Amino acid sequence: MNKAELISAIAAESNLSKADSKKALDAFISTVSKTLKSGDKVSLIGFGTFSVSERSARTGINPSTKASISIPAKKVAKFKAGAELSDAIK
């Protein structure tokens, strides 16, 4: 499912217009992004938790040249599914 399909599904489930559904989805994405950027996490009970994890710097290998390369440290977004979501997809 892509973003347009998700907007259509939200509109159908909530009886909102597609424009209002798009605004709601964009607001959700923006709010989660800002919260993660500030270092906090977003917990939606039953659905899951969005958080930020730090990956340390490490040494890797370029598969085509077999040369050793340095991979810098970075922050990555993580999602851990909640119990209700996990049970729903079993």
N, C-alpha and C. Protein backbone atom coordinates (compact mmCIF):
# COMPACT_ATOMS: atom_id res chain seq x y z
N MET A 1 0.85 -1.17 0.00
CA MET A 1 0.00 0.00 0.00
C MET A 1 0.90 1.24 0.00
N ASN A 2 0.63 2.13 -0.92
CA ASN A 2 1.40 3.38 -0.96
C ASN A 2 0.61 4.49 -0.26
N LYS A 3 1.16 5.70 -0.24
CA LYS A 3 0.54 6.80 0.50
C LYS A 3 -0.85 7.14 -0.05
N ALA A 4 -1.01 7.17 -1.37
CA ALA A 4 -2.31 7.49 -1.96
C ALA A 4 -3.36 6.45 -1.58
N GLU A 5 -2.98 5.19 -1.60
CA GLU A 5 -3.91 4.13 -1.22
C GLU A 5 -4.26 4.22 0.27
N LEU A 6 -3.28 4.58 1.10
CA LEU A 6 -3.53 4.74 2.53
C LEU A 6 -4.50 5.90 2.77
N ILE A 7 -4.32 6.99 2.06
CA ILE A 7 -5.23 8.14 2.19
C ILE A 7 -6.65 7.74 1.80
N SER A 8 -6.80 6.99 0.73
CA SER A 8 -8.12 6.53 0.30
C SER A 8 -8.74 5.61 1.35
N ALA A 9 -7.93 4.72 1.95
CA ALA A 9 -8.45 3.81 2.96
C ALA A 9 -8.86 4.57 4.22
N ILE A 10 -8.08 5.57 4.62
CA ILE A 10 -8.43 6.39 5.78
C ILE A 10 -9.74 7.13 5.52
N ALA A 11 -9.88 7.67 4.31
CA ALA A 11 -11.10 8.40 3.95
C ALA A 11 -12.32 7.48 4.01
N ALA A 12 -12.17 6.25 3.51
CA ALA A 12 -13.28 5.30 3.51
C ALA A 12 -13.66 4.87 4.93
N GLU A 13 -12.67 4.63 5.79
CA GLU A 13 -12.92 4.18 7.17
C GLU A 13 -13.50 5.27 8.04
N SER A 14 -13.08 6.51 7.82
CA SER A 14 -13.46 7.60 8.73
C SER A 14 -14.56 8.51 8.20
N ASN A 15 -15.00 8.28 6.99
CA ASN A 15 -16.00 9.14 6.34
C ASN A 15 -15.52 10.58 6.23
N LEU A 16 -14.21 10.77 6.09
CA LEU A 16 -13.64 12.08 5.82
C LEU A 16 -13.38 12.19 4.32
N SER A 17 -13.20 13.41 3.86
CA SER A 17 -12.82 13.57 2.46
C SER A 17 -11.37 13.14 2.29
N LYS A 18 -10.97 12.89 1.07
CA LYS A 18 -9.58 12.52 0.82
C LYS A 18 -8.64 13.67 1.19
N ALA A 19 -9.08 14.91 0.97
CA ALA A 19 -8.25 16.07 1.31
C ALA A 19 -8.01 16.13 2.82
N ASP A 20 -9.09 15.91 3.61
CA ASP A 20 -8.95 15.93 5.06
C ASP A 20 -8.11 14.75 5.54
N SER A 21 -8.27 13.60 4.91
CA SER A 21 -7.47 12.43 5.27
C SER A 21 -6.00 12.66 4.98
N LYS A 22 -5.71 13.33 3.86
CA LYS A 22 -4.32 13.64 3.52
C LYS A 22 -3.73 14.59 4.54
N LYS A 23 -4.50 15.61 4.95
CA LYS A 23 -4.03 16.56 5.96
C LYS A 23 -3.75 15.84 7.28
N ALA A 24 -4.62 14.93 7.67
CA ALA A 24 -4.44 14.19 8.92
C ALA A 24 -3.21 13.30 8.85
N LEU A 25 -3.02 12.61 7.75
CA LEU A 25 -1.85 11.74 7.60
C LEU A 25 -0.56 12.56 7.58
N ASP A 26 -0.56 13.67 6.85
CA ASP A 26 0.62 14.53 6.80
C ASP A 26 0.94 15.11 8.18
N ALA A 27 -0.10 15.47 8.94
CA ALA A 27 0.11 15.99 10.29
C ALA A 27 0.69 14.91 11.20
N PHE A 28 0.21 13.69 11.06
CA PHE A 28 0.73 12.57 11.86
C PHE A 28 2.20 12.33 11.55
N ILE A 29 2.53 12.26 10.28
CA ILE A 29 3.92 12.02 9.87
C ILE A 29 4.83 13.14 10.35
N SER A 30 4.39 14.38 10.20
CA SER A 30 5.17 15.53 10.63
C SER A 30 5.40 15.51 12.14
N THR A 31 4.36 15.23 12.89
CA THR A 31 4.47 15.20 14.35
C THR A 31 5.39 14.09 14.83
N VAL A 32 5.27 12.91 14.25
CA VAL A 32 6.15 11.79 14.62
C VAL A 32 7.60 12.14 14.27
N SER A 33 7.82 12.71 13.10
CA SER A 33 9.17 13.08 12.67
C SER A 33 9.80 14.09 13.62
N LYS A 34 9.04 15.13 13.98
CA LYS A 34 9.55 16.16 14.89
C LYS A 34 9.85 15.58 16.27
N THR A 35 8.99 14.70 16.74
CA THR A 35 9.18 14.08 18.05
C THR A 35 10.43 13.21 18.06
N LEU A 36 10.62 12.41 17.01
CA LEU A 36 11.80 11.56 16.94
C LEU A 36 13.07 12.40 16.81
N LYS A 37 12.99 13.48 16.05
CA LYS A 37 14.15 14.35 15.88
C LYS A 37 14.58 14.97 17.20
N SER A 38 13.62 15.24 18.07
CA SER A 38 13.94 15.83 19.37
C SER A 38 14.46 14.79 20.36
N GLY A 39 14.45 13.52 19.97
CA GLY A 39 14.99 12.46 20.82
C GLY A 39 13.96 11.72 21.64
N ASP A 40 12.71 12.08 21.53
CA ASP A 40 11.65 11.39 22.26
C ASP A 40 11.13 10.22 21.46
N LYS A 41 10.22 9.44 22.05
CA LYS A 41 9.59 8.35 21.32
C LYS A 41 8.08 8.54 21.31
N VAL A 42 7.42 7.90 20.36
CA VAL A 42 5.97 7.99 20.22
C VAL A 42 5.39 6.61 20.47
N SER A 43 4.57 6.48 21.52
CA SER A 43 3.96 5.20 21.86
C SER A 43 2.46 5.27 21.61
N LEU A 44 1.97 4.38 20.78
CA LEU A 44 0.54 4.26 20.52
C LEU A 44 0.12 2.90 21.08
N ILE A 45 -0.51 2.90 22.24
CA ILE A 45 -0.84 1.67 22.93
C ILE A 45 -1.64 0.75 22.02
N GLY A 46 -1.18 -0.49 21.90
CA GLY A 46 -1.84 -1.48 21.06
C GLY A 46 -1.33 -1.49 19.63
N PHE A 47 -0.82 -0.36 19.16
CA PHE A 47 -0.31 -0.29 17.78
C PHE A 47 1.18 -0.50 17.74
N GLY A 48 1.93 0.35 18.46
CA GLY A 48 3.37 0.20 18.48
C GLY A 48 4.08 1.44 18.95
N THR A 49 5.41 1.39 18.91
CA THR A 49 6.24 2.49 19.39
C THR A 49 7.27 2.86 18.33
N PHE A 50 7.33 4.16 18.02
CA PHE A 50 8.35 4.71 17.15
C PHE A 50 9.45 5.25 18.05
N SER A 51 10.71 4.93 17.75
CA SER A 51 11.82 5.44 18.56
C SER A 51 13.04 5.65 17.67
N VAL A 52 14.08 6.23 18.27
CA VAL A 52 15.33 6.48 17.56
C VAL A 52 16.41 5.61 18.20
N SER A 53 17.20 4.98 17.38
CA SER A 53 18.31 4.16 17.84
C SER A 53 19.59 4.69 17.22
N GLU A 54 20.67 4.61 17.96
CA GLU A 54 21.95 5.06 17.44
C GLU A 54 22.79 3.86 17.04
N ARG A 55 23.31 3.91 15.83
CA ARG A 55 24.23 2.88 15.35
C ARG A 55 25.64 3.43 15.46
N SER A 56 26.52 2.66 16.05
CA SER A 56 27.89 3.13 16.22
C SER A 56 28.67 3.01 14.92
N ALA A 57 29.78 3.73 14.84
CA ALA A 57 30.64 3.65 13.66
C ALA A 57 31.24 2.25 13.60
N ARG A 58 31.46 1.78 12.40
CA ARG A 58 32.03 0.44 12.23
C ARG A 58 32.79 0.35 10.92
N THR A 59 33.52 -0.72 10.77
CA THR A 59 34.27 -0.95 9.54
C THR A 59 33.53 -1.99 8.72
N GLY A 60 33.34 -1.70 7.43
CA GLY A 60 32.68 -2.63 6.54
C GLY A 60 33.58 -2.97 5.37
N ILE A 61 33.08 -3.80 4.47
CA ILE A 61 33.85 -4.22 3.30
C ILE A 61 33.03 -3.93 2.05
N ASN A 62 33.64 -3.25 1.09
CA ASN A 62 33.00 -3.01 -0.20
C ASN A 62 32.96 -4.35 -0.93
N PRO A 63 31.77 -4.88 -1.24
CA PRO A 63 31.68 -6.21 -1.84
C PRO A 63 32.31 -6.32 -3.23
N SER A 64 32.35 -5.22 -3.98
CA SER A 64 32.89 -5.32 -5.33
C SER A 64 34.42 -5.23 -5.35
N THR A 65 34.99 -4.44 -4.44
CA THR A 65 36.45 -4.28 -4.45
C THR A 65 37.14 -4.99 -3.29
N LYS A 66 36.37 -5.47 -2.33
CA LYS A 66 36.88 -6.11 -1.12
C LYS A 66 37.71 -5.15 -0.27
N ALA A 67 37.62 -3.86 -0.54
CA ALA A 67 38.35 -2.87 0.23
C ALA A 67 37.61 -2.57 1.53
N SER A 68 38.35 -2.29 2.56
CA SER A 68 37.78 -1.94 3.85
C SER A 68 37.30 -0.48 3.80
N ILE A 69 36.08 -0.25 4.30
CA ILE A 69 35.54 1.10 4.30
C ILE A 69 35.06 1.44 5.71
N SER A 70 35.04 2.72 6.02
CA SER A 70 34.58 3.18 7.32
C SER A 70 33.12 3.61 7.19
N ILE A 71 32.26 3.06 8.03
CA ILE A 71 30.85 3.41 8.03
C ILE A 71 30.61 4.29 9.25
N PRO A 72 30.20 5.54 9.05
CA PRO A 72 30.05 6.47 10.18
C PRO A 72 28.85 6.13 11.07
N ALA A 73 28.87 6.62 12.29
CA ALA A 73 27.75 6.45 13.21
C ALA A 73 26.56 7.24 12.69
N LYS A 74 25.35 6.76 13.00
CA LYS A 74 24.15 7.48 12.58
C LYS A 74 22.97 7.08 13.46
N LYS A 75 21.93 7.88 13.38
CA LYS A 75 20.68 7.60 14.08
C LYS A 75 19.69 7.03 13.08
N VAL A 76 18.93 6.04 13.51
CA VAL A 76 17.93 5.42 12.64
C VAL A 76 16.58 5.34 13.37
N ALA A 77 15.51 5.46 12.63
CA ALA A 77 14.17 5.33 13.19
C ALA A 77 13.82 3.85 13.30
N LYS A 78 13.16 3.50 14.40
CA LYS A 78 12.74 2.12 14.63
C LYS A 78 11.26 2.09 14.95
N PHE A 79 10.62 0.98 14.62
CA PHE A 79 9.23 0.76 14.99
C PHE A 79 9.11 -0.62 15.60
N LYS A 80 8.51 -0.69 16.78
CA LYS A 80 8.27 -1.96 17.44
C LYS A 80 6.76 -2.13 17.54
N ALA A 81 6.23 -3.17 16.93
CA ALA A 81 4.80 -3.40 16.91
C ALA A 81 4.29 -3.73 18.30
N GLY A 82 3.09 -3.25 18.62
CA GLY A 82 2.44 -3.53 19.88
C GLY A 82 1.76 -4.89 19.84
N ALA A 83 1.25 -5.32 21.00
CA ALA A 83 0.65 -6.64 21.12
C ALA A 83 -0.59 -6.80 20.24
N GLU A 84 -1.45 -5.79 20.22
CA GLU A 84 -2.68 -5.90 19.42
C GLU A 84 -2.37 -6.00 17.93
N LEU A 85 -1.41 -5.21 17.45
CA LEU A 85 -1.02 -5.27 16.05
C LEU A 85 -0.39 -6.62 15.72
N SER A 86 0.47 -7.09 16.60
CA SER A 86 1.12 -8.39 16.38
C SER A 86 0.09 -9.51 16.32
N ASP A 87 -0.90 -9.46 17.23
CA ASP A 87 -1.94 -10.50 17.24
C ASP A 87 -2.84 -10.41 16.01
N ALA A 88 -3.06 -9.19 15.50
CA ALA A 88 -3.94 -9.00 14.35
C ALA A 88 -3.39 -9.58 13.07
N ILE A 89 -2.07 -9.70 12.97
CA ILE A 89 -1.47 -10.17 11.72
C ILE A 89 -1.04 -11.63 11.77
N LYS A 90 -1.33 -12.31 12.86
CA LYS A 90 -0.98 -13.74 12.98
C LYS A 90 -1.88 -14.60 12.15
